[in-house]
N, C-alpha and C. Protein backbone atom coordinates (compact mmCIF):
# COMPACT_ATOMS: atom_id res chain seq x y z
N MET A 1 -4.95 24.26 3.05
CA MET A 1 -4.78 25.41 2.20
C MET A 1 -4.17 24.97 0.87
N LYS A 2 -4.71 25.46 -0.22
CA LYS A 2 -4.20 25.13 -1.55
C LYS A 2 -2.90 25.88 -1.81
N GLN A 3 -2.05 25.25 -2.57
CA GLN A 3 -0.77 25.84 -2.92
C GLN A 3 -0.80 26.24 -4.39
N VAL A 4 -0.26 27.39 -4.69
CA VAL A 4 -0.13 27.84 -6.07
C VAL A 4 1.29 27.53 -6.51
N VAL A 5 1.41 26.86 -7.64
CA VAL A 5 2.72 26.55 -8.18
C VAL A 5 2.85 27.21 -9.55
N VAL A 6 4.07 27.52 -9.92
CA VAL A 6 4.32 28.21 -11.18
C VAL A 6 5.23 27.36 -12.04
N GLY A 7 4.83 27.22 -13.28
CA GLY A 7 5.63 26.49 -14.26
C GLY A 7 5.25 26.98 -15.64
N ALA A 8 5.89 26.43 -16.64
CA ALA A 8 5.64 26.84 -18.02
C ALA A 8 4.98 25.70 -18.79
N GLY A 9 4.50 26.04 -19.95
CA GLY A 9 3.91 25.06 -20.86
C GLY A 9 4.98 24.45 -21.73
N GLY A 10 5.91 23.73 -21.13
CA GLY A 10 6.99 23.10 -21.87
C GLY A 10 8.33 23.65 -21.42
N TRP A 11 9.41 23.08 -21.96
CA TRP A 11 10.75 23.53 -21.59
C TRP A 11 11.72 23.53 -22.76
N ASN A 12 11.31 23.08 -23.92
CA ASN A 12 12.24 22.89 -25.02
C ASN A 12 12.03 23.94 -26.11
N TYR A 13 12.34 25.19 -25.78
CA TYR A 13 12.10 26.28 -26.71
C TYR A 13 13.42 26.94 -27.10
N GLU A 14 13.64 27.04 -28.39
CA GLU A 14 14.89 27.64 -28.88
C GLU A 14 15.04 29.09 -28.46
N ASP A 15 13.94 29.84 -28.41
CA ASP A 15 14.06 31.26 -28.05
C ASP A 15 14.37 31.48 -26.57
N TRP A 16 14.43 30.41 -25.79
CA TRP A 16 14.86 30.51 -24.38
C TRP A 16 16.37 30.43 -24.25
N VAL A 17 17.06 30.00 -25.33
CA VAL A 17 18.52 29.92 -25.29
C VAL A 17 19.05 31.34 -25.29
N GLY A 18 19.82 31.65 -24.28
CA GLY A 18 20.34 33.01 -24.10
C GLY A 18 19.62 33.70 -22.96
N PRO A 19 18.32 33.99 -23.13
CA PRO A 19 17.60 34.65 -22.02
C PRO A 19 17.44 33.76 -20.78
N PHE A 20 17.29 32.44 -20.96
CA PHE A 20 17.09 31.54 -19.83
C PHE A 20 18.15 30.44 -19.80
N TYR A 21 18.23 29.67 -20.86
CA TYR A 21 19.24 28.61 -20.93
C TYR A 21 20.58 29.22 -21.33
N PRO A 22 21.67 28.58 -20.89
CA PRO A 22 22.99 29.08 -21.30
C PRO A 22 23.14 29.07 -22.83
N ALA A 23 23.73 30.12 -23.35
CA ALA A 23 23.94 30.21 -24.80
C ALA A 23 24.92 29.14 -25.27
N ARG A 24 25.87 28.78 -24.43
CA ARG A 24 26.86 27.74 -24.75
C ARG A 24 26.86 26.71 -23.62
N PRO A 25 25.89 25.80 -23.68
CA PRO A 25 25.78 24.82 -22.59
C PRO A 25 26.94 23.82 -22.61
N GLU A 26 27.22 23.29 -21.45
CA GLU A 26 28.25 22.26 -21.33
C GLU A 26 27.75 20.97 -21.96
N ARG A 27 28.68 20.11 -22.26
CA ARG A 27 28.35 18.79 -22.83
C ARG A 27 27.43 18.06 -21.85
N GLY A 28 26.38 17.41 -22.38
CA GLY A 28 25.45 16.68 -21.54
C GLY A 28 24.39 17.55 -20.89
N PHE A 29 24.32 18.82 -21.28
CA PHE A 29 23.34 19.75 -20.72
C PHE A 29 21.92 19.27 -21.00
N SER A 30 21.07 19.32 -19.99
CA SER A 30 19.66 18.97 -20.14
C SER A 30 18.81 20.20 -19.85
N ARG A 31 18.03 20.60 -20.82
CA ARG A 31 17.14 21.74 -20.60
C ARG A 31 16.14 21.46 -19.49
N LEU A 32 15.60 20.26 -19.45
CA LEU A 32 14.63 19.93 -18.40
C LEU A 32 15.27 19.96 -17.03
N GLU A 33 16.46 19.42 -16.89
CA GLU A 33 17.15 19.45 -15.59
C GLU A 33 17.38 20.90 -15.17
N PHE A 34 17.85 21.72 -16.07
CA PHE A 34 18.09 23.14 -15.78
C PHE A 34 16.78 23.82 -15.40
N TYR A 35 15.75 23.60 -16.19
CA TYR A 35 14.42 24.18 -15.92
C TYR A 35 13.96 23.82 -14.51
N SER A 36 14.16 22.56 -14.11
CA SER A 36 13.67 22.09 -12.82
C SER A 36 14.41 22.72 -11.64
N ARG A 37 15.49 23.40 -11.89
CA ARG A 37 16.18 24.14 -10.82
C ARG A 37 15.40 25.39 -10.41
N PHE A 38 14.54 25.88 -11.30
CA PHE A 38 13.85 27.15 -11.08
C PHE A 38 12.34 27.01 -10.90
N PHE A 39 11.77 25.91 -11.35
CA PHE A 39 10.33 25.71 -11.31
C PHE A 39 10.00 24.37 -10.66
N VAL A 40 8.77 24.24 -10.18
CA VAL A 40 8.36 22.99 -9.52
C VAL A 40 7.38 22.18 -10.35
N CYS A 41 7.00 22.70 -11.51
CA CYS A 41 6.10 21.94 -12.38
C CYS A 41 6.27 22.39 -13.82
N VAL A 42 5.79 21.53 -14.71
CA VAL A 42 5.79 21.86 -16.13
C VAL A 42 4.61 21.16 -16.79
N GLU A 43 4.00 21.83 -17.74
CA GLU A 43 2.96 21.20 -18.55
C GLU A 43 3.64 20.52 -19.72
N VAL A 44 3.26 19.26 -19.95
CA VAL A 44 3.79 18.53 -21.10
C VAL A 44 2.71 18.55 -22.18
N ASN A 45 2.86 19.48 -23.08
CA ASN A 45 1.90 19.70 -24.16
C ASN A 45 2.10 18.73 -25.32
N SER A 46 3.33 18.30 -25.53
CA SER A 46 3.64 17.46 -26.70
C SER A 46 2.91 16.12 -26.66
N ILE A 47 2.56 15.64 -25.47
CA ILE A 47 1.83 14.38 -25.35
C ILE A 47 0.41 14.50 -25.89
N PHE A 48 -0.09 15.70 -26.04
CA PHE A 48 -1.40 15.92 -26.65
C PHE A 48 -1.38 15.43 -28.10
N TYR A 49 -0.25 15.54 -28.77
CA TYR A 49 -0.14 15.26 -30.20
C TYR A 49 0.27 13.83 -30.53
N ARG A 50 1.00 13.18 -29.63
CA ARG A 50 1.43 11.80 -29.90
C ARG A 50 1.74 11.11 -28.57
N HIS A 51 1.65 9.81 -28.60
CA HIS A 51 1.96 9.03 -27.40
C HIS A 51 3.48 8.94 -27.23
N PHE A 52 3.89 8.96 -26.00
CA PHE A 52 5.30 8.79 -25.65
C PHE A 52 5.48 7.44 -24.98
N GLY A 53 6.65 6.89 -25.11
CA GLY A 53 6.95 5.65 -24.42
C GLY A 53 7.33 5.91 -22.98
N ALA A 54 7.18 4.90 -22.15
CA ALA A 54 7.53 5.02 -20.74
C ALA A 54 9.01 5.35 -20.56
N LYS A 55 9.86 4.91 -21.48
CA LYS A 55 11.30 5.19 -21.37
C LYS A 55 11.57 6.70 -21.45
N THR A 56 10.83 7.41 -22.27
CA THR A 56 10.99 8.86 -22.34
C THR A 56 10.61 9.50 -21.01
N ILE A 57 9.50 9.06 -20.45
CA ILE A 57 9.06 9.60 -19.17
C ILE A 57 10.09 9.29 -18.08
N GLU A 58 10.62 8.08 -18.09
CA GLU A 58 11.64 7.72 -17.10
C GLU A 58 12.89 8.58 -17.24
N LYS A 59 13.25 8.94 -18.46
CA LYS A 59 14.38 9.86 -18.70
C LYS A 59 14.06 11.22 -18.08
N TRP A 60 12.85 11.72 -18.31
CA TRP A 60 12.46 13.00 -17.72
C TRP A 60 12.53 12.94 -16.20
N LEU A 61 12.09 11.83 -15.63
CA LEU A 61 12.13 11.69 -14.17
C LEU A 61 13.56 11.74 -13.64
N ARG A 62 14.49 11.12 -14.35
CA ARG A 62 15.90 11.19 -13.93
C ARG A 62 16.41 12.63 -14.01
N GLU A 63 15.96 13.37 -15.02
CA GLU A 63 16.46 14.73 -15.22
C GLU A 63 15.95 15.70 -14.15
N VAL A 64 14.87 15.38 -13.47
CA VAL A 64 14.33 16.29 -12.44
C VAL A 64 14.56 15.76 -11.02
N GLU A 65 15.36 14.74 -10.87
CA GLU A 65 15.58 14.11 -9.55
C GLU A 65 16.06 15.10 -8.48
N ARG A 66 16.84 16.08 -8.86
CA ARG A 66 17.38 17.04 -7.88
C ARG A 66 16.27 17.88 -7.24
N ASN A 67 15.16 18.03 -7.91
CA ASN A 67 14.04 18.82 -7.38
C ASN A 67 12.97 17.83 -6.91
N GLY A 68 13.04 17.46 -5.64
CA GLY A 68 12.15 16.44 -5.09
C GLY A 68 10.67 16.76 -5.21
N GLY A 69 10.32 18.03 -5.27
CA GLY A 69 8.91 18.40 -5.36
C GLY A 69 8.41 18.63 -6.77
N PHE A 70 9.23 18.35 -7.76
CA PHE A 70 8.86 18.64 -9.15
C PHE A 70 7.73 17.72 -9.61
N GLU A 71 6.78 18.30 -10.38
CA GLU A 71 5.66 17.54 -10.91
C GLU A 71 5.42 17.88 -12.38
N PHE A 72 4.85 16.91 -13.08
CA PHE A 72 4.48 17.06 -14.48
C PHE A 72 2.97 17.13 -14.59
N VAL A 73 2.47 18.09 -15.34
CA VAL A 73 1.05 18.17 -15.67
C VAL A 73 0.95 17.74 -17.13
N ILE A 74 0.27 16.64 -17.36
CA ILE A 74 0.20 16.04 -18.68
C ILE A 74 -1.08 16.47 -19.39
N LYS A 75 -0.91 17.02 -20.58
CA LYS A 75 -2.07 17.38 -21.39
C LYS A 75 -2.60 16.10 -22.03
N LEU A 76 -3.84 15.79 -21.76
CA LEU A 76 -4.45 14.54 -22.22
C LEU A 76 -4.44 14.45 -23.74
N TYR A 77 -4.16 13.28 -24.24
CA TYR A 77 -4.06 13.01 -25.67
C TYR A 77 -5.30 13.51 -26.43
N LYS A 78 -5.06 14.05 -27.61
CA LYS A 78 -6.08 14.74 -28.40
C LYS A 78 -7.32 13.93 -28.73
N ASN A 79 -7.20 12.62 -28.89
CA ASN A 79 -8.39 11.84 -29.25
C ASN A 79 -9.47 11.87 -28.17
N PHE A 80 -9.07 12.16 -26.93
CA PHE A 80 -10.06 12.23 -25.85
C PHE A 80 -10.79 13.56 -25.83
N THR A 81 -10.20 14.59 -26.38
CA THR A 81 -10.80 15.92 -26.31
C THR A 81 -11.22 16.48 -27.67
N HIS A 82 -10.65 15.98 -28.73
CA HIS A 82 -10.95 16.51 -30.05
C HIS A 82 -11.44 15.43 -31.01
N GLY A 83 -11.66 14.24 -30.51
CA GLY A 83 -12.17 13.15 -31.33
C GLY A 83 -13.68 13.06 -31.21
N LYS A 84 -14.24 12.02 -31.77
CA LYS A 84 -15.69 11.79 -31.69
C LYS A 84 -16.01 11.17 -30.33
N ARG A 85 -16.66 11.94 -29.50
CA ARG A 85 -16.96 11.47 -28.15
C ARG A 85 -18.05 10.42 -28.11
N SER A 86 -18.78 10.27 -29.19
CA SER A 86 -19.86 9.29 -29.20
C SER A 86 -19.33 7.86 -29.36
N ASP A 87 -18.08 7.72 -29.74
CA ASP A 87 -17.49 6.41 -30.00
C ASP A 87 -16.48 6.07 -28.91
N LYS A 88 -16.93 5.99 -27.66
CA LYS A 88 -16.05 5.85 -26.50
C LYS A 88 -15.26 4.55 -26.50
N GLU A 89 -15.81 3.48 -27.06
CA GLU A 89 -15.10 2.20 -27.00
C GLU A 89 -13.80 2.21 -27.80
N ARG A 90 -13.65 3.11 -28.75
CA ARG A 90 -12.42 3.16 -29.55
C ARG A 90 -11.25 3.73 -28.76
N PHE A 91 -11.51 4.22 -27.55
CA PHE A 91 -10.46 4.80 -26.74
C PHE A 91 -9.56 3.76 -26.09
N GLY A 92 -9.90 2.49 -26.19
CA GLY A 92 -9.15 1.44 -25.50
C GLY A 92 -7.65 1.50 -25.73
N ASP A 93 -7.21 1.54 -27.00
CA ASP A 93 -5.77 1.58 -27.29
C ASP A 93 -5.14 2.87 -26.80
N ASP A 94 -5.83 3.98 -27.00
CA ASP A 94 -5.29 5.26 -26.54
C ASP A 94 -5.21 5.30 -25.02
N LYS A 95 -6.22 4.77 -24.36
CA LYS A 95 -6.20 4.76 -22.89
C LYS A 95 -5.04 3.92 -22.39
N ALA A 96 -4.83 2.78 -23.00
CA ALA A 96 -3.72 1.90 -22.60
C ALA A 96 -2.38 2.61 -22.80
N ALA A 97 -2.22 3.32 -23.91
CA ALA A 97 -0.97 4.05 -24.17
C ALA A 97 -0.77 5.16 -23.14
N VAL A 98 -1.82 5.91 -22.84
CA VAL A 98 -1.74 6.98 -21.85
C VAL A 98 -1.37 6.41 -20.49
N GLU A 99 -2.05 5.34 -20.09
CA GLU A 99 -1.76 4.74 -18.79
C GLU A 99 -0.33 4.22 -18.72
N GLU A 100 0.20 3.72 -19.85
CA GLU A 100 1.58 3.21 -19.86
C GLU A 100 2.57 4.33 -19.55
N TYR A 101 2.41 5.50 -20.20
CA TYR A 101 3.39 6.55 -19.93
C TYR A 101 3.09 7.34 -18.67
N LEU A 102 1.87 7.27 -18.15
CA LEU A 102 1.60 7.90 -16.86
C LEU A 102 2.11 7.07 -15.69
N ALA A 103 2.21 5.76 -15.88
CA ALA A 103 2.56 4.85 -14.78
C ALA A 103 3.84 5.26 -14.05
N PRO A 104 4.95 5.56 -14.74
CA PRO A 104 6.15 5.96 -13.99
C PRO A 104 5.95 7.25 -13.20
N LEU A 105 5.17 8.17 -13.73
CA LEU A 105 4.90 9.43 -13.03
C LEU A 105 4.08 9.18 -11.77
N VAL A 106 3.07 8.33 -11.89
CA VAL A 106 2.23 7.99 -10.74
C VAL A 106 3.06 7.26 -9.70
N GLU A 107 3.85 6.30 -10.15
CA GLU A 107 4.68 5.50 -9.24
C GLU A 107 5.64 6.36 -8.43
N LYS A 108 6.20 7.37 -9.06
CA LYS A 108 7.17 8.25 -8.39
C LYS A 108 6.51 9.46 -7.72
N GLY A 109 5.17 9.57 -7.81
CA GLY A 109 4.48 10.71 -7.20
C GLY A 109 4.75 12.01 -7.92
N LYS A 110 4.99 11.95 -9.22
CA LYS A 110 5.36 13.14 -10.00
C LYS A 110 4.28 13.60 -10.97
N LEU A 111 3.10 12.98 -10.92
CA LEU A 111 2.00 13.41 -11.78
C LEU A 111 1.22 14.48 -11.03
N GLY A 112 1.37 15.72 -11.47
CA GLY A 112 0.67 16.83 -10.84
C GLY A 112 -0.77 16.95 -11.27
N GLY A 113 -1.10 16.40 -12.43
CA GLY A 113 -2.47 16.46 -12.91
C GLY A 113 -2.54 16.16 -14.39
N LEU A 114 -3.76 16.00 -14.83
CA LEU A 114 -4.04 15.86 -16.26
C LEU A 114 -4.74 17.14 -16.71
N LEU A 115 -4.25 17.74 -17.75
CA LEU A 115 -4.88 18.90 -18.34
C LEU A 115 -5.79 18.41 -19.45
N VAL A 116 -7.07 18.66 -19.32
CA VAL A 116 -8.05 18.22 -20.30
C VAL A 116 -8.56 19.47 -21.00
N GLN A 117 -8.02 19.73 -22.19
CA GLN A 117 -8.34 20.96 -22.90
C GLN A 117 -9.16 20.63 -24.14
N PHE A 118 -10.38 21.11 -24.15
CA PHE A 118 -11.28 20.89 -25.28
C PHE A 118 -11.21 22.06 -26.24
N SER A 119 -11.74 21.84 -27.43
CA SER A 119 -11.79 22.92 -28.42
C SER A 119 -12.85 23.94 -27.99
N GLU A 120 -12.86 25.04 -28.68
CA GLU A 120 -13.84 26.08 -28.39
C GLU A 120 -15.27 25.64 -28.71
N TYR A 121 -15.43 24.53 -29.38
CA TYR A 121 -16.75 24.02 -29.74
C TYR A 121 -17.36 23.12 -28.66
N PHE A 122 -16.61 22.84 -27.63
CA PHE A 122 -17.12 22.03 -26.52
C PHE A 122 -18.01 22.93 -25.67
N THR A 123 -19.30 22.63 -25.63
CA THR A 123 -20.24 23.49 -24.92
C THR A 123 -20.87 22.76 -23.74
N SER A 124 -21.38 23.53 -22.82
CA SER A 124 -22.03 22.95 -21.65
C SER A 124 -23.37 22.34 -22.05
N GLY A 125 -23.64 21.20 -21.52
CA GLY A 125 -24.89 20.51 -21.78
C GLY A 125 -24.84 19.13 -21.17
N PRO A 126 -25.96 18.43 -21.13
CA PRO A 126 -25.98 17.10 -20.52
C PRO A 126 -24.98 16.13 -21.15
N GLY A 127 -24.85 16.15 -22.46
CA GLY A 127 -23.92 15.25 -23.14
C GLY A 127 -22.47 15.55 -22.77
N SER A 128 -22.14 16.84 -22.71
CA SER A 128 -20.78 17.24 -22.34
C SER A 128 -20.47 16.87 -20.90
N ARG A 129 -21.40 17.12 -20.00
CA ARG A 129 -21.19 16.76 -18.59
C ARG A 129 -21.06 15.25 -18.43
N SER A 130 -21.85 14.52 -19.17
CA SER A 130 -21.75 13.06 -19.14
C SER A 130 -20.38 12.60 -19.63
N TYR A 131 -19.88 13.24 -20.67
CA TYR A 131 -18.57 12.89 -21.20
C TYR A 131 -17.46 13.22 -20.21
N LEU A 132 -17.57 14.36 -19.54
CA LEU A 132 -16.59 14.71 -18.52
C LEU A 132 -16.58 13.68 -17.40
N SER A 133 -17.75 13.23 -16.99
CA SER A 133 -17.84 12.17 -15.97
C SER A 133 -17.19 10.89 -16.46
N PHE A 134 -17.43 10.57 -17.72
CA PHE A 134 -16.81 9.39 -18.32
C PHE A 134 -15.29 9.49 -18.25
N LEU A 135 -14.71 10.64 -18.66
CA LEU A 135 -13.26 10.80 -18.61
C LEU A 135 -12.73 10.70 -17.19
N LEU A 136 -13.43 11.30 -16.25
CA LEU A 136 -13.01 11.21 -14.86
C LEU A 136 -12.97 9.76 -14.40
N ASP A 137 -14.02 9.04 -14.70
CA ASP A 137 -14.06 7.61 -14.32
C ASP A 137 -12.96 6.82 -15.00
N GLU A 138 -12.67 7.14 -16.25
CA GLU A 138 -11.66 6.40 -17.01
C GLU A 138 -10.26 6.57 -16.43
N PHE A 139 -9.95 7.76 -15.92
CA PHE A 139 -8.57 8.04 -15.54
C PHE A 139 -8.33 8.19 -14.04
N LYS A 140 -9.36 8.30 -13.23
CA LYS A 140 -9.08 8.57 -11.82
C LYS A 140 -8.39 7.42 -11.11
N SER A 141 -8.70 6.19 -11.44
CA SER A 141 -8.05 5.07 -10.76
C SER A 141 -6.62 4.87 -11.23
N SER A 142 -6.33 5.20 -12.49
CA SER A 142 -4.98 4.97 -13.00
C SER A 142 -4.02 6.13 -12.74
N THR A 143 -4.54 7.27 -12.31
CA THR A 143 -3.67 8.43 -12.14
C THR A 143 -3.45 8.81 -10.69
N SER A 144 -4.33 8.43 -9.81
CA SER A 144 -4.26 8.83 -8.40
C SER A 144 -4.32 10.34 -8.24
N VAL A 145 -4.84 11.05 -9.23
CA VAL A 145 -4.98 12.49 -9.17
C VAL A 145 -6.43 12.83 -8.95
N SER A 146 -6.71 13.65 -7.95
CA SER A 146 -8.09 14.04 -7.68
C SER A 146 -8.54 15.08 -8.67
N PRO A 147 -9.80 15.04 -9.09
CA PRO A 147 -10.28 16.08 -10.01
C PRO A 147 -10.23 17.43 -9.34
N LEU A 148 -9.77 18.41 -10.08
CA LEU A 148 -9.66 19.79 -9.60
C LEU A 148 -8.81 19.90 -8.35
N GLY A 149 -7.94 18.92 -8.13
CA GLY A 149 -7.04 18.97 -6.98
C GLY A 149 -7.74 18.78 -5.66
N LEU A 150 -8.95 18.22 -5.66
CA LEU A 150 -9.70 18.06 -4.42
C LEU A 150 -9.33 16.77 -3.71
């Protein structure tokens, strides 16, 4: 049976201070650690815009240690979904960077999935389906995440 989990698209929002986060947090307060007390997953949207180092991911992993079932859903870097799909070989550096920051998540069993969000101009057709297959092949071995949670 499939499980439904609830989380938000991020955790670092100023307008959450007061309604969700303490208005006057204690020294050393971590929004992610606090967030993980109430939710079991979070979408990391910021990785869509720039690559993160593995050290940042390792910091996030330490902040959610208290919630053993917590998972991160990583939004795939923009060049894979909004770049020129006809030039697949240029993805080498981006793929290496993505795999570097996914590695700690995979190692700790905290990668809940990859969110692959295309623009509204991505249409169904043989070329698009071929590209989706390409992305699946590119990332399935390095992520240990099944497509569509299967």
